[in-house]
C-alpha atoms as a PDB file:
ATOM      1  CA  MET A   1      79.871 108.567 119.863  1.00  0.00           C
ATOM      2  CA  ALA A   2      76.385 107.206 119.261  1.00  0.00           C
ATOM      3  CA  SER A   3      76.104 108.276 115.608  1.00  0.00           C
ATOM      4  CA  THR A   4      78.286 107.888 112.548  1.00  0.00           C
ATOM      5  CA  PHE A   5      78.968 110.886 110.335  1.00  0.00           C
ATOM      6  CA  THR A   6      80.881 110.723 107.066  1.00  0.00           C
ATOM      7  CA  LYS A   7      81.498 112.831 104.016  1.00  0.00           C
ATOM      8  CA  LEU A   8      83.418 110.794 101.494  1.00  0.00           C
ATOM      9  CA  LEU A   9      83.722 112.765  98.279  1.00  0.00           C
ATOM     10  CA  VAL A  10      84.913 110.775  95.288  1.00  0.00           C
ATOM     11  CA  HIS A  11      85.732 111.836  91.725  1.00  0.00           C
ATOM     12  CA  ILE A  12      85.099 108.784  89.525  1.00  0.00           C
ATOM     13  CA  VAL A  13      85.997 108.388  85.852  1.00  0.00           C
ATOM     14  CA  PHE A  14      85.135 105.537  83.501  1.00  0.00           C
ATOM     15  CA  SER A  15      84.822 105.140  79.769  1.00  0.00           C
ATOM     16  CA  THR A  16      82.699 103.355  77.254  1.00  0.00           C
ATOM     17  CA  LYS A  17      83.904  99.987  75.990  1.00  0.00           C
ATOM     18  CA  ASP A  18      87.086 100.508  73.949  1.00  0.00           C
ATOM     19  CA  ARG A  19      86.507 104.249  74.409  1.00  0.00           C
ATOM     20  CA  GLN A  20      84.064 104.211  71.518  1.00  0.00           C
ATOM     21  CA  PRO A  21      81.967 107.414  71.200  1.00  0.00           C
ATOM     22  CA  THR A  22      78.671 105.666  71.944  1.00  0.00           C
ATOM     23  CA  ILE A  23      77.105 108.224  74.292  1.00  0.00           C
ATOM     24  CA  GLN A  24      74.998 110.184  71.848  1.00  0.00           C
ATOM     25  CA  ALA A  25      74.338 113.874  72.567  1.00  0.00           C
ATOM     26  CA  ALA A  26      70.590 113.173  72.482  1.00  0.00           C
ATOM     27  CA  ASP A  27      70.986 110.555  75.260  1.00  0.00           C
ATOM     28  CA  GLU A  28      73.478 112.383  77.462  1.00  0.00           C
ATOM     29  CA  SER A  29      71.074 114.290  79.707  1.00  0.00           C
ATOM     30  CA  ALA A  30      68.825 111.268  80.240  1.00  0.00           C
ATOM     31  CA  LEU A  31      71.841 109.030  80.943  1.00  0.00           C
ATOM     32  CA  TYR A  32      73.186 111.492  83.499  1.00  0.00           C
ATOM     33  CA  SER A  33      69.781 111.654  85.190  1.00  0.00           C
ATOM     34  CA  TYR A  34      69.557 107.878  85.216  1.00  0.00           C
ATOM     35  CA  ILE A  35      73.005 107.568  86.798  1.00  0.00           C
ATOM     36  CA  GLY A  36      71.918 110.166  89.371  1.00  0.00           C
ATOM     37  CA  GLY A  37      68.939 107.972  90.235  1.00  0.00           C
ATOM     38  CA  ILE A  38      71.194 104.936  90.721  1.00  0.00           C
ATOM     39  CA  CYS A  39      73.403 106.987  93.038  1.00  0.00           C
ATOM     40  CA  ARG A  40      70.403 108.228  95.047  1.00  0.00           C
ATOM     41  CA  GLY A  41      69.129 104.670  95.334  1.00  0.00           C
ATOM     42  CA  SER A  42      72.533 103.717  96.760  1.00  0.00           C
ATOM     43  CA  ASN A  43      72.415 106.586  99.300  1.00  0.00           C
ATOM     44  CA  SER A  44      75.386 108.141  97.491  1.00  0.00           C
ATOM     45  CA  PRO A  45      74.170 111.436  96.050  1.00  0.00           C
ATOM     46  CA  LEU A  46      75.554 112.424  92.674  1.00  0.00           C
ATOM     47  CA  LEU A  47      76.789 115.973  93.229  1.00  0.00           C
ATOM     48  CA  ASP A  48      77.807 116.584  89.636  1.00  0.00           C
ATOM     49  CA  ILE A  49      78.442 114.762  86.364  1.00  0.00           C
ATOM     50  CA  GLY A  50      80.103 115.588  83.079  1.00  0.00           C
ATOM     51  CA  GLY A  51      81.697 113.859  80.173  1.00  0.00           C
ATOM     52  CA  THR A  52      81.946 113.299  76.473  1.00  0.00           C
ATOM     53  CA  ALA A  53      80.787 110.709  73.974  1.00  0.00           C
ATOM     54  CA  ASP A  54      83.324 108.182  75.292  1.00  0.00           C
ATOM     55  CA  HIS A  55      83.538 108.687  79.069  1.00  0.00           C
ATOM     56  CA  VAL A  56      81.946 110.194  82.152  1.00  0.00           C
ATOM     57  CA  HIS A  57      83.142 111.881  85.333  1.00  0.00           C
ATOM     58  CA  LEU A  58      81.091 111.672  88.523  1.00  0.00           C
ATOM     59  CA  LEU A  59      81.404 113.630  91.740  1.00  0.00           C
ATOM     60  CA  VAL A  60      79.724 111.491  94.388  1.00  0.00           C
ATOM     61  CA  SER A  61      79.211 111.706  98.131  1.00  0.00           C
ATOM     62  CA  LEU A  62      79.747 108.024  98.928  1.00  0.00           C
ATOM     63  CA  ALA A  63      77.450 106.344 101.467  1.00  0.00           C
ATOM     64  CA  LYS A  64      79.127 105.211 104.670  1.00  0.00           C
ATOM     65  CA  THR A  65      78.068 101.612 104.046  1.00  0.00           C
ATOM     66  CA  LEU A  66      79.080 101.325 100.386  1.00  0.00           C
ATOM     67  CA  SER A  67      82.370 100.691  98.623  1.00  0.00           C
ATOM     68  CA  VAL A  68      83.316 102.510  95.435  1.00  0.00           C
ATOM     69  CA  SER A  69      83.427  99.167  93.625  1.00  0.00           C
ATOM     70  CA  ASP A  70      79.876  98.261  94.687  1.00  0.00           C
ATOM     71  CA  LEU A  71      78.581 101.672  93.603  1.00  0.00           C
ATOM     72  CA  LEU A  72      80.282 101.314  90.213  1.00  0.00           C
ATOM     73  CA  LEU A  73      78.921  97.803  89.792  1.00  0.00           C
ATOM     74  CA  ASN A  74      75.405  99.174  90.224  1.00  0.00           C
ATOM     75  CA  ILE A  75      75.963 102.218  88.018  1.00  0.00           C
ATOM     76  CA  LYS A  76      77.586 100.342  85.152  1.00  0.00           C
ATOM     77  CA  ARG A  77      75.257  97.334  85.218  1.00  0.00           C
ATOM     78  CA  ASP A  78      72.025  99.275  85.444  1.00  0.00           C
ATOM     79  CA  SER A  79      72.927 102.158  83.120  1.00  0.00           C
ATOM     80  CA  SER A  80      74.376  99.787  80.523  1.00  0.00           C
ATOM     81  CA  LYS A  81      71.168  97.773  80.459  1.00  0.00           C
ATOM     82  CA  TRP A  82      69.142 100.983  80.212  1.00  0.00           C
ATOM     83  CA  MET A  83      71.314 102.363  77.379  1.00  0.00           C
ATOM     84  CA  GLY A  84      71.101  99.052  75.520  1.00  0.00           C
ATOM     85  CA  GLU A  85      67.312  99.167  75.673  1.00  0.00           C
ATOM     86  CA  ARG A  86      67.354 102.623  74.064  1.00  0.00           C
ATOM     87  CA  GLY A  87      68.890 101.210  70.897  1.00  0.00           C
ATOM     88  CA  GLY A  88      71.676 102.848  68.969  1.00  0.00           C
ATOM     89  CA  ARG A  89      75.186 101.479  68.885  1.00  0.00           C
ATOM     90  CA  TRP A  90      75.742 101.070  72.626  1.00  0.00           C
ATOM     91  CA  LEU A  91      78.580  98.622  73.455  1.00  0.00           C
ATOM     92  CA  GLY A  92      78.739  98.992  77.237  1.00  0.00           C
ATOM     93  CA  TRP A  93      81.256 100.364  79.728  1.00  0.00           C
ATOM     94  CA  GLN A  94      84.943  99.558  80.152  1.00  0.00           C
ATOM     95  CA  ASP A  95      85.715  97.005  82.861  1.00  0.00           C
ATOM     96  CA  GLY A  96      87.704  99.328  85.117  1.00  0.00           C
ATOM     97  CA  TYR A  97      87.395 102.820  86.508  1.00  0.00           C
ATOM     98  CA  PHE A  98      89.481 105.516  88.172  1.00  0.00           C
ATOM     99  CA  ALA A  99      88.435 106.967  91.518  1.00  0.00           C
ATOM    100  CA  PHE A 100      90.079 109.708  93.542  1.00  0.00           C
ATOM    101  CA  SER A 101      89.093 111.158  96.890  1.00  0.00           C
ATOM    102  CA  ILE A 102      88.761 114.916  97.119  1.00  0.00           C
ATOM    103  CA  GLY A 103      88.314 117.230 100.048  1.00  0.00           C
ATOM    104  CA  GLU A 104      85.492 119.698 100.569  1.00  0.00           C
ATOM    105  CA  SER A 105      87.817 122.468  99.364  1.00  0.00           C
ATOM    106  CA  GLY A 106      88.083 120.687  95.983  1.00  0.00           C
ATOM    107  CA  VAL A 107      84.357 120.476  95.264  1.00  0.00           C
ATOM    108  CA  GLU A 108      83.976 123.717  93.309  1.00  0.00           C
ATOM    109  CA  SER A 109      87.073 123.170  91.172  1.00  0.00           C
ATOM    110  CA  THR A 110      85.939 119.605  90.452  1.00  0.00           C
ATOM    111  CA  ARG A 111      82.467 120.842  89.471  1.00  0.00           C
ATOM    112  CA  ALA A 112      84.045 123.404  87.142  1.00  0.00           C
ATOM    113  CA  TYR A 113      86.282 120.715  85.635  1.00  0.00           C
ATOM    114  CA  LEU A 114      83.291 118.444  84.983  1.00  0.00           C
ATOM    115  CA  ALA A 115      81.368 121.304  83.357  1.00  0.00           C
ATOM    116  CA  ARG A 116      84.254 121.907  80.903  1.00  0.00           C
ATOM    117  CA  GLN A 117      84.688 118.338  79.707  1.00  0.00           C
ATOM    118  CA  LYS A 118      83.757 118.911  76.086  1.00  0.00           C
ATOM    119  CA  GLU A 119      86.061 121.916  75.722  1.00  0.00           C
ATOM    120  CA  HIS A 120      88.839 120.142  77.635  1.00  0.00           C
ATOM    121  CA  HIS A 121      88.718 117.111  75.370  1.00  0.00           C
ATOM    122  CA  ALA A 122      88.941 119.197  72.242  1.00  0.00           C
ATOM    123  CA  THR A 123      92.670 119.358  73.059  1.00  0.00           C
ATOM    124  CA  VAL A 124      93.358 116.544  75.572  1.00  0.00           C
ATOM    125  CA  ASP A 125      92.555 112.896  74.920  1.00  0.00           C
ATOM    126  CA  PHE A 126      91.145 110.544  77.543  1.00  0.00           C
ATOM    127  CA  LYS A 127      94.369 108.600  78.104  1.00  0.00           C
ATOM    128  CA  ASP A 128      96.399 111.762  78.703  1.00  0.00           C
ATOM    129  CA  GLU A 129      93.725 113.010  81.095  1.00  0.00           C
ATOM    130  CA  VAL A 130      93.830 109.769  83.102  1.00  0.00           C
ATOM    131  CA  ARG A 131      97.637 109.739  83.175  1.00  0.00           C
ATOM    132  CA  ALA A 132      97.582 113.295  84.562  1.00  0.00           C
ATOM    133  CA  PHE A 133      95.140 112.220  87.323  1.00  0.00           C
ATOM    134  CA  LEU A 134      97.276 109.199  88.182  1.00  0.00           C
ATOM    135  CA  ARG A 135     100.394 111.382  88.456  1.00  0.00           C
ATOM    136  CA  LYS A 136      98.547 114.008  90.506  1.00  0.00           C
ATOM    137  CA  HIS A 137      97.332 111.371  92.976  1.00  0.00           C
ATOM    138  CA  GLY A 138     100.654 109.499  93.159  1.00  0.00           C
ATOM    139  CA  ILE A 139      99.360 106.273  91.640  1.00  0.00           C
ATOM    140  CA  GLU A 140     101.846 104.081  89.777  1.00  0.00           C
ATOM    141  CA  TRP A 141     100.677 102.217  86.687  1.00  0.00           C
ATOM    142  CA  ASP A 142     101.853 100.020  83.852  1.00  0.00           C
ATOM    143  CA  GLU A 143     100.692 101.069  80.373  1.00  0.00           C
ATOM    144  CA  GLN A 144     100.463  97.410  79.402  1.00  0.00           C
ATOM    145  CA  TYR A 145      97.624  96.799  81.865  1.00  0.00           C
ATOM    146  CA  ILE A 146      95.842 100.100  82.322  1.00  0.00           C
ATOM    147  CA  TRP A 147      93.656 100.211  79.206  1.00  0.00           C
ATOM    148  CA  ASP A 148      90.985  97.656  78.337  1.00  0.00           C
END
């Protein structure tokens, strides 16, 4: 085959440093747009985004030449610098992240999940949400090392 075709859909989750609520409502839309620009610049379109004051969820179509870790390096580095320049009490992003592949059939349910983040987190905290994702995707973890 002369051409390469991929569709690598990834649901990515990462939090603010120490899960502090430093994403202000007034900055949320601009932050999400900025992250979308970073993704576009990495040839990895941001299909959807949602979150709360202490974390974000991304649905990304990952470029065929890019690793998840390289994309997250760019997103976290550039958006953290941008948020810091805006002032406020920005502390940065956590060191790690959670990323899960999804199939095309999971796109709409993932979009709906991202759209409901604020309502969802009125009753479910971030750690419980992540644990549920890890169980769902069959990933083993040690509580001693999972949170930074």
